[in-house]
PDB file of N, CA and C in Angstrom:
ATOM      1  N   MET A   1      -7.587   4.775  15.608  1.00  0.00           N
ATOM      2  CA  MET A   1      -8.045   3.761  14.690  1.00  0.00           C
ATOM      3  C   MET A   1      -7.686   4.119  13.246  1.00  0.00           C
ATOM      4  N   LYS A   2      -7.723   5.411  12.939  1.00  0.00           N
ATOM      5  CA  LYS A   2      -7.415   5.842  11.575  1.00  0.00           C
ATOM      6  C   LYS A   2      -5.979   5.514  11.190  1.00  0.00           C
ATOM      7  N   LYS A   3      -5.053   5.702  12.112  1.00  0.00           N
ATOM      8  CA  LYS A   3      -3.649   5.418  11.819  1.00  0.00           C
ATOM      9  C   LYS A   3      -3.416   3.927  11.643  1.00  0.00           C
ATOM     10  N   ILE A   4      -4.134   3.119  12.376  1.00  0.00           N
ATOM     11  CA  ILE A   4      -3.990   1.665  12.239  1.00  0.00           C
ATOM     12  C   ILE A   4      -4.484   1.219  10.871  1.00  0.00           C
ATOM     13  N   ILE A   5      -5.622   1.738  10.432  1.00  0.00           N
ATOM     14  CA  ILE A   5      -6.155   1.398   9.105  1.00  0.00           C
ATOM     15  C   ILE A   5      -5.177   1.848   8.028  1.00  0.00           C
ATOM     16  N   LEU A   6      -4.618   3.028   8.174  1.00  0.00           N
ATOM     17  CA  LEU A   6      -3.657   3.539   7.197  1.00  0.00           C
ATOM     18  C   LEU A   6      -2.400   2.673   7.169  1.00  0.00           C
ATOM     19  N   PHE A   7      -1.901   2.288   8.326  1.00  0.00           N
ATOM     20  CA  PHE A   7      -0.724   1.428   8.407  1.00  0.00           C
ATOM     21  C   PHE A   7      -0.977   0.073   7.741  1.00  0.00           C
ATOM     22  N   ILE A   8      -2.139  -0.502   8.004  1.00  0.00           N
ATOM     23  CA  ILE A   8      -2.475  -1.807   7.418  1.00  0.00           C
ATOM     24  C   ILE A   8      -2.609  -1.702   5.906  1.00  0.00           C
ATOM     25  N   SER A   9      -3.273  -0.667   5.415  1.00  0.00           N
ATOM     26  CA  SER A   9      -3.452  -0.542   3.967  1.00  0.00           C
ATOM     27  C   SER A   9      -2.122  -0.279   3.256  1.00  0.00           C
ATOM     28  N   ILE A  10      -1.244   0.534   3.841  1.00  0.00           N
ATOM     29  CA  ILE A  10       0.071   0.769   3.240  1.00  0.00           C
ATOM     30  C   ILE A  10       0.875  -0.525   3.226  1.00  0.00           C
ATOM     31  N   SER A  11       0.871  -1.248   4.318  1.00  0.00           N
ATOM     32  CA  SER A  11       1.626  -2.495   4.385  1.00  0.00           C
ATOM     33  C   SER A  11       1.108  -3.525   3.395  1.00  0.00           C
ATOM     34  N   LEU A  12      -0.198  -3.650   3.306  1.00  0.00           N
ATOM     35  CA  LEU A  12      -0.800  -4.632   2.408  1.00  0.00           C
ATOM     36  C   LEU A  12      -0.493  -4.323   0.945  1.00  0.00           C
ATOM     37  N   PHE A  13      -0.673  -3.081   0.537  1.00  0.00           N
ATOM     38  CA  PHE A  13      -0.440  -2.728  -0.853  1.00  0.00           C
ATOM     39  C   PHE A  13       1.053  -2.711  -1.196  1.00  0.00           C
ATOM     40  N   SER A  14       1.911  -2.371  -0.235  1.00  0.00           N
ATOM     41  CA  SER A  14       3.357  -2.446  -0.480  1.00  0.00           C
ATOM     42  C   SER A  14       3.788  -3.893  -0.675  1.00  0.00           C
ATOM     43  N   TRP A  15       3.269  -4.772   0.165  1.00  0.00           N
ATOM     44  CA  TRP A  15       3.587  -6.189   0.016  1.00  0.00           C
ATOM     45  C   TRP A  15       3.093  -6.718  -1.325  1.00  0.00           C
ATOM     46  N   LEU A  16       1.896  -6.313  -1.721  1.00  0.00           N
ATOM     47  CA  LEU A  16       1.350  -6.748  -3.004  1.00  0.00           C
ATOM     48  C   LEU A  16       2.218  -6.253  -4.161  1.00  0.00           C
ATOM     49  N   GLY A  17       2.664  -5.011  -4.093  1.00  0.00           N
ATOM     50  CA  GLY A  17       3.550  -4.475  -5.118  1.00  0.00           C
ATOM     51  C   GLY A  17       4.866  -5.231  -5.181  1.00  0.00           C
ATOM     52  N   TRP A  18       5.425  -5.542  -4.024  1.00  0.00           N
ATOM     53  CA  TRP A  18       6.672  -6.307  -3.999  1.00  0.00           C
ATOM     54  C   TRP A  18       6.447  -7.698  -4.588  1.00  0.00           C
ATOM     55  N   TRP A  19       5.357  -8.322  -4.211  1.00  0.00           N
ATOM     56  CA  TRP A  19       5.051  -9.665  -4.681  1.00  0.00           C
ATOM     57  C   TRP A  19       4.899  -9.702  -6.208  1.00  0.00           C
ATOM     58  N   LEU A  20       4.311  -8.652  -6.765  1.00  0.00           N
ATOM     59  CA  LEU A  20       4.137  -8.601  -8.216  1.00  0.00           C
ATOM     60  C   LEU A  20       5.424  -8.215  -8.950  1.00  0.00           C
ATOM     61  N   GLY A  21       6.244  -7.369  -8.359  1.00  0.00           N
ATOM     62  CA  GLY A  21       7.423  -6.864  -9.060  1.00  0.00           C
ATOM     63  C   GLY A  21       8.700  -7.641  -8.839  1.00  0.00           C
ATOM     64  N   ALA A  22       8.818  -8.341  -7.732  1.00  0.00           N
ATOM     65  CA  ALA A  22      10.066  -9.031  -7.401  1.00  0.00           C
ATOM     66  C   ALA A  22      10.475 -10.114  -8.393  1.00  0.00           C
ATOM     67  N   PRO A  23       9.560 -10.857  -8.999  1.00  0.00           N
ATOM     68  CA  PRO A  23      10.011 -11.859  -9.978  1.00  0.00           C
ATOM     69  C   PRO A  23      10.753 -11.254 -11.176  1.00  0.00           C
ATOM     70  N   VAL A  24      10.483  -9.994 -11.492  1.00  0.00           N
ATOM     71  CA  VAL A  24      11.156  -9.334 -12.610  1.00  0.00           C
ATOM     72  C   VAL A  24      12.574  -8.930 -12.203  1.00  0.00           C
ATOM     73  N   GLY A  25      12.717  -8.399 -11.008  1.00  0.00           N
ATOM     74  CA  GLY A  25      14.026  -7.963 -10.517  1.00  0.00           C
ATOM     75  C   GLY A  25      13.857  -7.241  -9.197  1.00  0.00           C
ATOM     76  N   ILE A  26      14.962  -7.052  -8.491  1.00  0.00           N
ATOM     77  CA  ILE A  26      14.871  -6.448  -7.162  1.00  0.00           C
ATOM     78  C   ILE A  26      14.474  -4.963  -7.237  1.00  0.00           C
ATOM     79  N   MET A  27      14.973  -4.239  -8.227  1.00  0.00           N
ATOM     80  CA  MET A  27      14.599  -2.827  -8.344  1.00  0.00           C
ATOM     81  C   MET A  27      13.151  -2.676  -8.803  1.00  0.00           C
ATOM     82  N   THR A  28      12.702  -3.560  -9.657  1.00  0.00           N
ATOM     83  CA  THR A  28      11.295  -3.532 -10.056  1.00  0.00           C
ATOM     84  C   THR A  28      10.407  -3.821  -8.859  1.00  0.00           C
ATOM     85  N   GLY A  29      10.822  -4.768  -8.037  1.00  0.00           N
ATOM     86  CA  GLY A  29      10.079  -5.056  -6.814  1.00  0.00           C
ATOM     87  C   GLY A  29      10.039  -3.866  -5.879  1.00  0.00           C
ATOM     88  N   TYR A  30      11.173  -3.178  -5.757  1.00  0.00           N
ATOM     89  CA  TYR A  30      11.233  -2.005  -4.891  1.00  0.00           C
ATOM     90  C   TYR A  30      10.297  -0.902  -5.379  1.00  0.00           C
ATOM     91  N   PHE A  31      10.387  -0.573  -6.673  1.00  0.00           N
ATOM     92  CA  PHE A  31       9.545   0.504  -7.196  1.00  0.00           C
ATOM     93  C   PHE A  31       8.069   0.123  -7.205  1.00  0.00           C
ATOM     94  N   ALA A  32       7.771  -1.136  -7.449  1.00  0.00           N
ATOM     95  CA  ALA A  32       6.384  -1.587  -7.374  1.00  0.00           C
ATOM     96  C   ALA A  32       5.883  -1.511  -5.932  1.00  0.00           C
ATOM     97  N   SER A  33       6.757  -1.779  -4.978  1.00  0.00           N
ATOM     98  CA  SER A  33       6.394  -1.678  -3.571  1.00  0.00           C
ATOM     99  C   SER A  33       6.117  -0.226  -3.174  1.00  0.00           C
ATOM    100  N   VAL A  34       6.936   0.685  -3.662  1.00  0.00           N
ATOM    101  CA  VAL A  34       6.714   2.111  -3.386  1.00  0.00           C
ATOM    102  C   VAL A  34       5.394   2.572  -4.003  1.00  0.00           C
ATOM    103  N   ALA A  35       5.157   2.163  -5.246  1.00  0.00           N
ATOM    104  CA  ALA A  35       3.899   2.523  -5.902  1.00  0.00           C
ATOM    105  C   ALA A  35       2.716   1.910  -5.159  1.00  0.00           C
ATOM    106  N   GLY A  36       2.870   0.680  -4.708  1.00  0.00           N
ATOM    107  CA  GLY A  36       1.817   0.044  -3.926  1.00  0.00           C
ATOM    108  C   GLY A  36       1.563   0.773  -2.615  1.00  0.00           C
ATOM    109  N   GLY A  37       2.630   1.264  -1.999  1.00  0.00           N
ATOM    110  CA  GLY A  37       2.462   2.045  -0.772  1.00  0.00           C
ATOM    111  C   GLY A  37       1.686   3.327  -1.003  1.00  0.00           C
ATOM    112  N   MET A  38       1.949   3.978  -2.138  1.00  0.00           N
ATOM    113  CA  MET A  38       1.186   5.195  -2.457  1.00  0.00           C
ATOM    114  C   MET A  38      -0.290   4.880  -2.702  1.00  0.00           C
ATOM    115  N   ILE A  39      -0.537   3.776  -3.365  1.00  0.00           N
ATOM    116  CA  ILE A  39      -1.922   3.353  -3.570  1.00  0.00           C
ATOM    117  C   ILE A  39      -2.560   3.008  -2.216  1.00  0.00           C
ATOM    118  N   GLY A  40      -1.774   2.398  -1.333  1.00  0.00           N
ATOM    119  CA  GLY A  40      -2.265   2.089   0.004  1.00  0.00           C
ATOM    120  C   GLY A  40      -2.638   3.324   0.801  1.00  0.00           C
ATOM    121  N   VAL A  41      -1.871   4.394   0.657  1.00  0.00           N
ATOM    122  CA  VAL A  41      -2.217   5.658   1.319  1.00  0.00           C
ATOM    123  C   VAL A  41      -3.548   6.166   0.789  1.00  0.00           C
ATOM    124  N   TYR A  42      -3.710   6.143  -0.517  1.00  0.00           N
ATOM    125  CA  TYR A  42      -4.951   6.621  -1.132  1.00  0.00           C
ATOM    126  C   TYR A  42      -6.144   5.801  -0.648  1.00  0.00           C
ATOM    127  N   VAL A  43      -6.021   4.495  -0.692  1.00  0.00           N
ATOM    128  CA  VAL A  43      -7.124   3.622  -0.282  1.00  0.00           C
ATOM    129  C   VAL A  43      -7.420   3.787   1.204  1.00  0.00           C
ATOM    130  N   GLY A  44      -6.379   3.879   2.024  1.00  0.00           N
ATOM    131  CA  GLY A  44      -6.581   4.046   3.458  1.00  0.00           C
ATOM    132  C   GLY A  44      -7.275   5.347   3.811  1.00  0.00           C
ATOM    133  N   VAL A  45      -6.888   6.432   3.157  1.00  0.00           N
ATOM    134  CA  VAL A  45      -7.522   7.730   3.412  1.00  0.00           C
ATOM    135  C   VAL A  45      -8.976   7.709   2.948  1.00  0.00           C
ATOM    136  N   LYS A  46      -9.231   7.133   1.777  1.00  0.00           N
ATOM    137  CA  LYS A  46     -10.605   7.050   1.282  1.00  0.00           C
ATOM    138  C   LYS A  46     -11.471   6.208   2.222  1.00  0.00           C
ATOM    139  N   PHE A  47     -10.932   5.102   2.718  1.00  0.00           N
ATOM    140  CA  PHE A  47     -11.667   4.254   3.651  1.00  0.00           C
ATOM    141  C   PHE A  47     -11.968   5.011   4.939  1.00  0.00           C
ATOM    142  N   ASN A  48     -10.964   5.716   5.470  1.00  0.00           N
ATOM    143  CA  ASN A  48     -11.171   6.482   6.699  1.00  0.00           C
ATOM    144  C   ASN A  48     -12.237   7.542   6.524  1.00  0.00           C
ATOM    145  N   ARG A  49     -12.219   8.253   5.412  1.00  0.00           N
ATOM    146  CA  ARG A  49     -13.214   9.301   5.190  1.00  0.00           C
ATOM    147  C   ARG A  49     -14.606   8.725   4.987  1.00  0.00           C
ATOM    148  N   ALA A  50     -14.699   7.572   4.342  1.00  0.00           N
ATOM    149  CA  ALA A  50     -16.006   6.991   4.039  1.00  0.00           C
ATOM    150  C   ALA A  50     -16.640   6.316   5.263  1.00  0.00           C
ATOM    151  N   TYR A  51     -15.843   5.671   6.097  1.00  0.00           N
ATOM    152  CA  TYR A  51     -16.410   4.844   7.141  1.00  0.00           C
ATOM    153  C   TYR A  51     -16.096   5.273   8.567  1.00  0.00           C
ATOM    154  N   LEU A  52     -15.058   6.083   8.768  1.00  0.00           N
ATOM    155  CA  LEU A  52     -14.669   6.405  10.152  1.00  0.00           C
ATOM    156  C   LEU A  52     -14.871   7.873  10.523  1.00  0.00           C
ATOM    157  N   ASP A  53     -15.197   8.723   9.587  1.00  0.00           N
ATOM    158  CA  ASP A  53     -15.435  10.130   9.944  1.00  0.00           C
ATOM    159  C   ASP A  53     -16.852  10.369  10.339  1.00  0.00           C
TER     160      ASP A  53
END
């Protein structure tokens, strides 16, 4: 279950980063997506520790 939550949070935040950065340019969208993925890892790990451990 922990890996599924982590996968969902990374995907969601990466998509959000792409959605916010893509109107500026493709590289901005890419880097915003990577940054969003890192934020997704952080949020997913915090959620797992708070609610699933």
